Amino acid sequence: MNDLIDREQVINALDRIGGTGAEAESWADGWDKAIDEAIKIVRNMPMKRLCRGSPVKLIDANALEIAIMDTGIYPANVRRAIRKAPEAVVRCNDCIHRYENEENVYVCEVLDFSCGDDDFCSQGRRKETE
């Protein structure tokens, strides 16, 4: 199951890692180029929408990692920034609002319709883990 993360939060994290302003062709210049390439990939990732009018622009964190790895340059700080980005949604399977009705169908008590394990919305609240 892929995590959906907020595009702007990832870009901000990459900006904080930042470039070094290094001289061209130095090892640090390679770092600068890797960060710039990662930001470009994040900006170009296809978005997932929560619902119409949602201000949150989500990207698939797993697909992002694969796209950055495909460049051949994947600094550990970039990997950590992606993995630490908070999920912007709660999947129905992990939500406190999901219950099983008398017909053995899982239903969202907030939105009042059926929901699958992989469905999600911005109204979700994660169940406490034991």
Protein backbone atom coordinates (compact mmCIF):
# COMPACT_ATOMS: atom_id res chain seq x y z
CA MET A 1 0.00 0.00 0.00
CA ASN A 2 1.56 3.30 -1.05
CA ASP A 3 1.80 6.32 1.23
CA LEU A 4 0.34 9.57 -0.06
CA ILE A 5 2.34 12.58 1.05
CA ASP A 6 1.99 16.33 0.61
CA ARG A 7 4.10 17.53 -2.33
CA GLU A 8 4.89 20.93 -0.77
CA GLN A 9 6.10 19.35 2.48
CA VAL A 10 8.58 17.21 0.55
CA ILE A 11 9.80 20.18 -1.50
CA ASN A 12 10.23 22.22 1.70
CA ALA A 13 12.21 19.38 3.30
CA LEU A 14 14.47 19.16 0.24
CA ASP A 15 14.94 22.93 0.32
CA ARG A 16 16.03 22.67 3.98
CA ILE A 17 18.59 20.01 3.03
CA GLY A 18 19.57 22.53 0.41
CA GLY A 19 22.44 23.04 -1.88
CA THR A 20 25.91 24.14 -0.92
CA GLY A 21 26.54 26.73 -3.61
CA ALA A 22 29.66 24.73 -4.45
CA GLU A 23 32.09 25.31 -7.29
CA ALA A 24 31.15 23.66 -10.56
CA GLU A 25 32.33 20.06 -10.99
CA SER A 26 33.30 19.63 -7.32
CA TRP A 27 31.88 16.75 -5.27
CA ALA A 28 29.57 19.22 -3.52
CA ASP A 29 28.30 20.43 -6.89
CA GLY A 30 27.08 16.87 -7.44
CA TRP A 31 25.12 17.18 -4.18
CA ASP A 32 23.55 20.45 -5.39
CA LYS A 33 22.57 18.81 -8.66
CA ALA A 34 21.07 15.79 -6.86
CA ILE A 35 18.90 18.02 -4.65
CA ASP A 36 17.81 20.08 -7.67
CA GLU A 37 16.96 16.89 -9.58
CA ALA A 38 14.98 15.52 -6.62
CA ILE A 39 12.96 18.75 -6.39
CA LYS A 40 12.27 18.63 -10.13
CA ILE A 41 11.04 15.03 -9.84
CA VAL A 42 8.76 15.94 -6.91
CA ARG A 43 7.28 18.86 -8.86
CA ASN A 44 6.56 16.59 -11.84
CA MET A 45 5.04 13.63 -9.93
CA PRO A 46 1.39 13.00 -10.82
CA MET A 47 -0.94 14.18 -8.07
CA LYS A 48 -3.65 12.30 -6.24
CA ARG A 49 -6.68 14.31 -5.14
CA LEU A 50 -8.57 13.77 -1.91
CA CYS A 51 -11.74 15.31 -3.24
CA ARG A 52 -12.88 18.21 -5.39
CA GLY A 53 -11.49 21.49 -4.19
CA SER A 54 -8.99 19.90 -1.80
CA PRO A 55 -6.04 22.23 -1.25
CA VAL A 56 -3.72 19.30 -0.51
CA LYS A 57 -1.66 18.06 -3.45
CA LEU A 58 -0.63 14.49 -2.77
CA ILE A 59 2.04 12.38 -4.41
CA ASP A 60 2.82 8.69 -4.11
CA ALA A 61 5.90 8.45 -1.86
CA ASN A 62 6.91 5.02 -3.20
CA ALA A 63 6.74 6.17 -6.83
CA LEU A 64 8.77 9.26 -5.89
CA GLU A 65 11.52 7.16 -4.33
CA ILE A 66 11.69 4.95 -7.43
CA ALA A 67 11.83 7.98 -9.75
CA ILE A 68 14.68 9.53 -7.77
CA MET A 69 16.59 6.22 -7.58
CA ASP A 70 16.31 5.96 -11.37
CA THR A 71 18.48 9.11 -11.65
CA GLY A 72 21.38 7.16 -10.13
CA ILE A 73 21.89 9.78 -7.41
CA TYR A 74 19.93 9.29 -4.21
CA PRO A 75 21.47 10.96 -1.13
CA ALA A 76 20.48 9.57 2.26
CA ASN A 77 19.11 12.97 3.32
CA VAL A 78 16.69 12.94 0.38
CA ARG A 79 15.56 9.42 1.26
CA ARG A 80 15.00 10.47 4.90
CA ALA A 81 13.04 13.58 3.86
CA ILE A 82 10.68 11.45 1.77
CA ARG A 83 10.26 8.75 4.42
CA LYS A 84 9.65 11.27 7.23
CA ALA A 85 7.03 13.24 5.29
CA PRO A 86 3.75 12.79 7.15
CA GLU A 87 0.91 11.01 5.42
CA ALA A 88 -1.80 13.48 4.48
CA VAL A 89 -4.63 10.97 4.65
CA VAL A 90 -5.78 8.02 6.72
CA ARG A 91 -6.83 4.91 4.87
CA CYS A 92 -10.29 3.61 5.80
CA ASN A 93 -8.76 0.34 7.01
CA ASP A 94 -6.83 2.31 9.67
CA CYS A 95 -9.62 4.77 10.57
CA ILE A 96 -11.67 4.97 13.77
CA HIS A 97 -14.75 6.03 11.77
CA ARG A 98 -15.00 2.74 9.87
CA TYR A 99 -17.36 0.08 11.16
CA GLU A 100 -18.92 -3.13 9.87
CA ASN A 101 -22.70 -2.93 9.50
CA GLU A 102 -25.24 -5.74 9.92
CA GLU A 103 -24.81 -6.70 6.24
CA ASN A 104 -21.05 -7.24 6.77
CA VAL A 105 -20.20 -4.13 4.75
CA TYR A 106 -17.62 -1.64 6.00
CA VAL A 107 -19.11 1.85 6.25
CA CYS A 108 -17.71 5.28 7.14
CA GLU A 109 -19.76 6.80 9.96
CA VAL A 110 -18.68 10.33 8.94
CA LEU A 111 -19.45 10.16 5.22
CA ASP A 112 -22.15 7.46 5.54
CA PHE A 113 -21.11 5.24 2.64
CA SER A 114 -19.24 1.99 2.14
CA CYS A 115 -15.47 2.01 2.12
CA GLY A 116 -12.77 -0.44 1.12
CA ASP A 117 -9.47 -1.12 2.86
CA ASP A 118 -7.54 1.08 0.44
CA ASP A 119 -10.03 3.98 0.33
CA PHE A 120 -9.11 7.19 2.13
CA CYS A 121 -10.33 10.71 2.88
CA SER A 122 -9.25 13.83 4.69
CA GLN A 123 -11.81 13.23 7.49
CA GLY A 124 -10.05 10.10 8.72
CA ARG A 125 -8.56 9.69 12.17
CA ARG A 126 -6.04 6.92 12.74
CA LYS A 127 -6.90 4.13 15.19
CA GLU A 128 -4.64 3.81 18.21
CA THR A 129 -2.22 0.92 17.74
CA GLU A 130 -1.77 -1.56 20.54
